[in-house]
Amino acid sequence: MSTLLKGLYAITQASKSDSRQLFSDVEAALKGGASMVQYRDKSRNNKLRRDVTEYLYALCASFSVPLIINDDVDLAKTIGAAGVHLGKDDTDLLAARKELGDQAIIGVSCYNSLRLAEEAEAAGADYIAFGSFFDSPSKPEAVKADLSLLQSWRHHKTPVCAIGGITVENATELISAGADMLAVISSLWAADDIEQQAWMFSRLFEKTKL
């Protein structure tokens, strides 16, 4: 499964209320080479969330790309998504695994803590995420993470994702430090040409030698 977990990890914008535009944007990111997509929406409009994720699931499947659901195990199970991403206040990893099964991709936010990452790995996380590495327009209050976290994780088998204020200009240092995936929100969706921006991020993994 870890072979999937490398490259650009496109995280949808929670504030995106126009579903048709969201679908168009995600399709552009997939055409540009996004290797995984996460649906992130903290609203409680359950019908809308299900309708949107069912469409995104089919869209991602057409590109053979996994769709991950942020913080909603029930929704992920209902639509058959590839898995979930869990934060510190979300469902317990073991409980999520019991609901979704061994084949599900389960990622865990570990912020700036090696201890949390090691606990998540021991519990069976498929990937762990550190961040925020840079100032993040999406989560300005996020704790800051240092490049040394990625470097310290190199001897672990669990793939690591970097998140937080990532741009094409600062991404290379994260990949060089050991990031297997880059989770990107603002600098991807704000681009004039999302497909080209996604391609530029994806190319960095081919060009950067770890």
Protein backbone atom coordinates (compact mmCIF):
# COMPACT_ATOMS: atom_id res chain seq x y z
CA MET A 1 0.00 0.00 0.00
CA SER A 2 2.86 2.37 0.73
CA THR A 3 3.64 2.53 -3.00
CA LEU A 4 0.56 4.75 -3.33
CA LEU A 5 1.71 7.12 -0.67
CA LYS A 6 4.09 9.41 -2.49
CA GLY A 7 3.70 12.70 -4.30
CA LEU A 8 1.18 15.51 -4.23
CA TYR A 9 -1.62 15.06 -1.69
CA ALA A 10 -4.37 17.52 -2.66
CA ILE A 11 -6.52 18.66 0.27
CA THR A 12 -9.83 20.28 -0.65
CA GLN A 13 -10.73 23.68 0.74
CA ALA A 14 -13.26 23.52 3.55
CA SER A 15 -14.73 26.86 2.42
CA LYS A 16 -15.42 25.75 -1.15
CA SER A 17 -19.24 25.98 -1.37
CA ASP A 18 -19.58 25.69 -5.14
CA SER A 19 -19.58 21.94 -5.74
CA ARG A 20 -19.22 22.22 -9.51
CA GLN A 21 -16.14 24.40 -9.11
CA LEU A 22 -14.77 21.98 -6.53
CA PHE A 23 -15.18 19.08 -8.93
CA SER A 24 -13.53 21.04 -11.73
CA ASP A 25 -10.61 22.01 -9.51
CA VAL A 26 -10.06 18.47 -8.25
CA GLU A 27 -10.20 17.08 -11.78
CA ALA A 28 -7.54 19.60 -12.82
CA ALA A 29 -5.33 18.54 -9.91
CA LEU A 30 -5.75 14.89 -10.87
CA LYS A 31 -4.86 15.64 -14.47
CA GLY A 32 -1.76 17.39 -13.17
CA GLY A 33 -0.64 14.32 -11.28
CA ALA A 34 -2.05 14.49 -7.73
CA SER A 35 -1.47 11.05 -6.23
CA MET A 36 -4.08 11.29 -3.46
CA VAL A 37 -7.03 13.56 -2.65
CA GLN A 38 -8.49 14.36 0.75
CA TYR A 39 -12.01 15.73 1.17
CA ARG A 40 -11.90 18.17 4.06
CA ASP A 41 -15.17 19.85 5.06
CA LYS A 42 -16.10 20.56 8.67
CA SER A 43 -19.70 21.50 7.89
CA ARG A 44 -22.52 19.32 9.21
CA ASN A 45 -24.59 19.24 6.03
CA ASN A 46 -24.52 15.46 5.82
CA LYS A 47 -26.46 15.15 2.58
CA LEU A 48 -24.21 17.62 0.79
CA ARG A 49 -21.10 15.92 2.14
CA ARG A 50 -22.32 12.54 0.93
CA ASP A 51 -23.33 13.84 -2.51
CA VAL A 52 -20.01 15.61 -2.95
CA THR A 53 -17.89 12.70 -1.78
CA GLU A 54 -19.76 10.19 -3.94
CA TYR A 55 -18.92 12.29 -6.98
CA LEU A 56 -15.32 12.80 -5.87
CA TYR A 57 -14.95 9.09 -5.22
CA ALA A 58 -15.98 8.29 -8.80
CA LEU A 59 -13.77 11.08 -10.15
CA CYS A 60 -10.71 9.90 -8.23
CA ALA A 61 -11.41 6.28 -9.20
CA SER A 62 -11.32 7.28 -12.87
CA PHE A 63 -7.70 8.37 -12.30
CA SER A 64 -6.93 5.37 -10.02
CA VAL A 65 -6.25 7.83 -7.18
CA PRO A 66 -7.36 7.19 -3.57
CA LEU A 67 -9.94 9.49 -1.98
CA ILE A 68 -9.39 10.07 1.74
CA ILE A 69 -12.06 11.55 4.01
CA ASN A 70 -11.02 13.93 6.76
CA ASP A 71 -12.36 13.10 10.21
CA ASP A 72 -15.45 11.07 9.23
CA VAL A 73 -15.13 7.30 9.44
CA ASP A 74 -18.85 6.74 8.85
CA LEU A 75 -18.83 8.76 5.63
CA ALA A 76 -15.71 7.00 4.40
CA LYS A 77 -17.33 3.63 5.05
CA THR A 78 -20.64 4.65 3.45
CA ILE A 79 -19.18 5.76 0.13
CA GLY A 80 -16.36 3.22 0.04
CA ALA A 81 -13.55 5.78 0.20
CA ALA A 82 -9.97 4.56 0.36
CA GLY A 83 -9.61 5.71 3.96
CA VAL A 84 -9.59 8.52 6.49
CA HIS A 85 -7.29 11.13 7.95
CA LEU A 86 -7.45 11.59 11.71
CA GLY A 87 -6.44 14.50 13.95
CA LYS A 88 -5.93 14.66 17.68
CA ASP A 89 -9.64 15.21 18.41
CA ASP A 90 -10.96 12.68 15.91
CA THR A 91 -11.81 8.98 16.04
CA ASP A 92 -9.26 6.66 17.60
CA LEU A 93 -7.06 4.97 15.00
CA LEU A 94 -7.81 1.45 16.23
CA ALA A 95 -11.54 2.12 16.18
CA ALA A 96 -11.26 3.50 12.64
CA ARG A 97 -9.31 0.42 11.56
CA LYS A 98 -11.97 -1.85 13.02
CA GLU A 99 -14.67 -0.01 11.06
CA LEU A 100 -12.83 0.34 7.75
CA GLY A 101 -10.75 -2.81 7.61
CA ASP A 102 -7.14 -3.68 6.98
CA GLN A 103 -7.08 -2.34 3.41
CA ALA A 104 -8.10 1.19 4.38
CA ILE A 105 -5.52 3.97 4.23
CA ILE A 106 -5.48 5.68 7.62
CA GLY A 107 -3.34 8.76 8.13
CA VAL A 108 -2.73 10.58 11.39
CA SER A 109 -1.78 14.19 12.11
CA CYS A 110 1.21 14.27 14.43
CA TYR A 111 1.85 18.02 14.30
CA ASN A 112 5.41 18.55 15.64
CA SER A 113 5.62 15.46 17.83
CA LEU A 114 7.84 12.44 17.16
CA ARG A 115 6.16 10.72 20.09
CA LEU A 116 2.72 10.98 18.47
CA ALA A 117 4.17 9.73 15.20
CA GLU A 118 5.76 6.71 16.84
CA GLU A 119 2.51 5.92 18.66
CA ALA A 120 0.56 6.20 15.41
CA GLU A 121 3.03 3.95 13.62
CA ALA A 122 2.80 1.36 16.40
CA ALA A 123 -0.99 1.46 16.15
CA GLY A 124 -0.86 0.74 12.43
CA ALA A 125 -1.12 4.12 10.70
CA ASP A 126 -0.48 3.95 6.96
CA TYR A 127 1.11 7.39 6.96
CA ILE A 128 1.81 10.12 9.47
CA ALA A 129 1.74 13.88 8.86
CA PHE A 130 3.97 16.57 10.36
CA GLY A 131 3.30 20.30 10.12
CA SER A 132 2.84 23.17 9.83
CA PHE A 133 6.27 23.68 8.28
CA PHE A 134 5.53 27.18 7.02
CA ASP A 135 2.92 29.83 7.75
CA SER A 136 -0.38 28.37 6.61
CA PRO A 137 -3.20 30.52 5.19
CA SER A 138 -5.59 27.63 5.86
CA LYS A 139 -4.60 27.11 9.50
CA PRO A 140 -2.75 30.21 10.74
CA GLU A 141 -2.94 28.98 14.34
CA ALA A 142 -1.22 25.66 13.58
CA VAL A 143 1.84 24.65 15.59
CA LYS A 144 5.15 24.94 13.77
CA ALA A 145 7.19 21.92 12.77
CA ASP A 146 10.89 21.77 11.99
CA LEU A 147 12.67 20.04 9.12
CA SER A 148 14.51 17.91 11.67
CA LEU A 149 11.27 15.95 12.21
CA LEU A 150 11.39 14.70 8.64
CA GLN A 151 15.07 13.93 8.90
CA SER A 152 14.52 12.04 12.15
CA TRP A 153 11.80 9.95 10.53
CA ARG A 154 13.99 8.60 7.74
CA HIS A 155 14.65 5.27 9.48
CA HIS A 156 10.94 4.55 9.90
CA LYS A 157 9.01 2.50 7.35
CA THR A 158 5.75 4.46 7.62
CA PRO A 159 5.46 7.13 4.90
CA VAL A 160 5.53 10.73 6.10
CA CYS A 161 3.53 13.66 4.78
CA ALA A 162 4.48 17.32 5.19
CA ILE A 163 1.79 19.98 5.45
CA GLY A 164 1.48 23.69 6.10
CA GLY A 165 2.12 26.64 3.82
CA ILE A 166 3.80 24.54 1.14
CA THR A 167 4.54 26.15 -2.21
CA VAL A 168 6.41 25.03 -5.30
CA GLU A 169 9.26 27.30 -4.17
CA ASN A 170 9.72 25.79 -0.67
CA ALA A 171 8.68 22.20 -1.38
CA THR A 172 12.08 20.90 -2.47
CA GLU A 173 13.63 21.29 0.97
CA LEU A 174 10.82 19.18 2.46
CA ILE A 175 11.27 16.41 -0.09
CA SER A 176 15.04 16.52 0.40
CA ALA A 177 14.54 16.22 4.17
CA GLY A 178 12.48 13.07 3.70
CA ALA A 179 8.84 13.95 2.95
CA ASP A 180 7.14 11.22 0.92
CA MET A 181 4.05 13.35 0.33
CA LEU A 182 3.24 17.04 0.27
CA ALA A 183 -0.25 17.98 1.49
CA VAL A 184 -1.17 21.21 -0.26
CA ILE A 185 -4.24 23.43 -0.04
CA SER A 186 -3.87 27.15 -0.67
CA SER A 187 -1.04 27.28 -3.20
CA LEU A 188 -2.70 24.58 -5.28
CA TRP A 189 -6.26 25.85 -5.49
CA ALA A 190 -5.30 29.53 -5.72
CA ALA A 191 -3.23 28.92 -8.85
CA ASP A 192 -4.45 30.37 -12.14
CA ASP A 193 -3.79 26.99 -13.73
CA ILE A 194 -4.40 24.22 -11.18
CA GLU A 195 -3.41 21.41 -13.53
CA GLN A 196 -0.07 23.07 -14.25
CA GLN A 197 0.49 23.77 -10.54
CA ALA A 198 -0.21 20.15 -9.66
CA TRP A 199 2.18 19.04 -12.40
CA MET A 200 4.90 21.30 -11.02
CA PHE A 201 4.49 19.82 -7.52
CA SER A 202 4.46 16.28 -8.89
CA ARG A 203 7.59 16.88 -10.95
CA LEU A 204 9.50 17.87 -7.83
CA PHE A 205 9.39 14.25 -6.63
CA GLU A 206 11.02 13.12 -9.85
CA LYS A 207 13.68 15.83 -9.78
CA THR A 208 14.62 15.74 -6.10
CA LYS A 209 17.08 13.05 -5.08
CA LEU A 210 16.69 11.97 -1.48
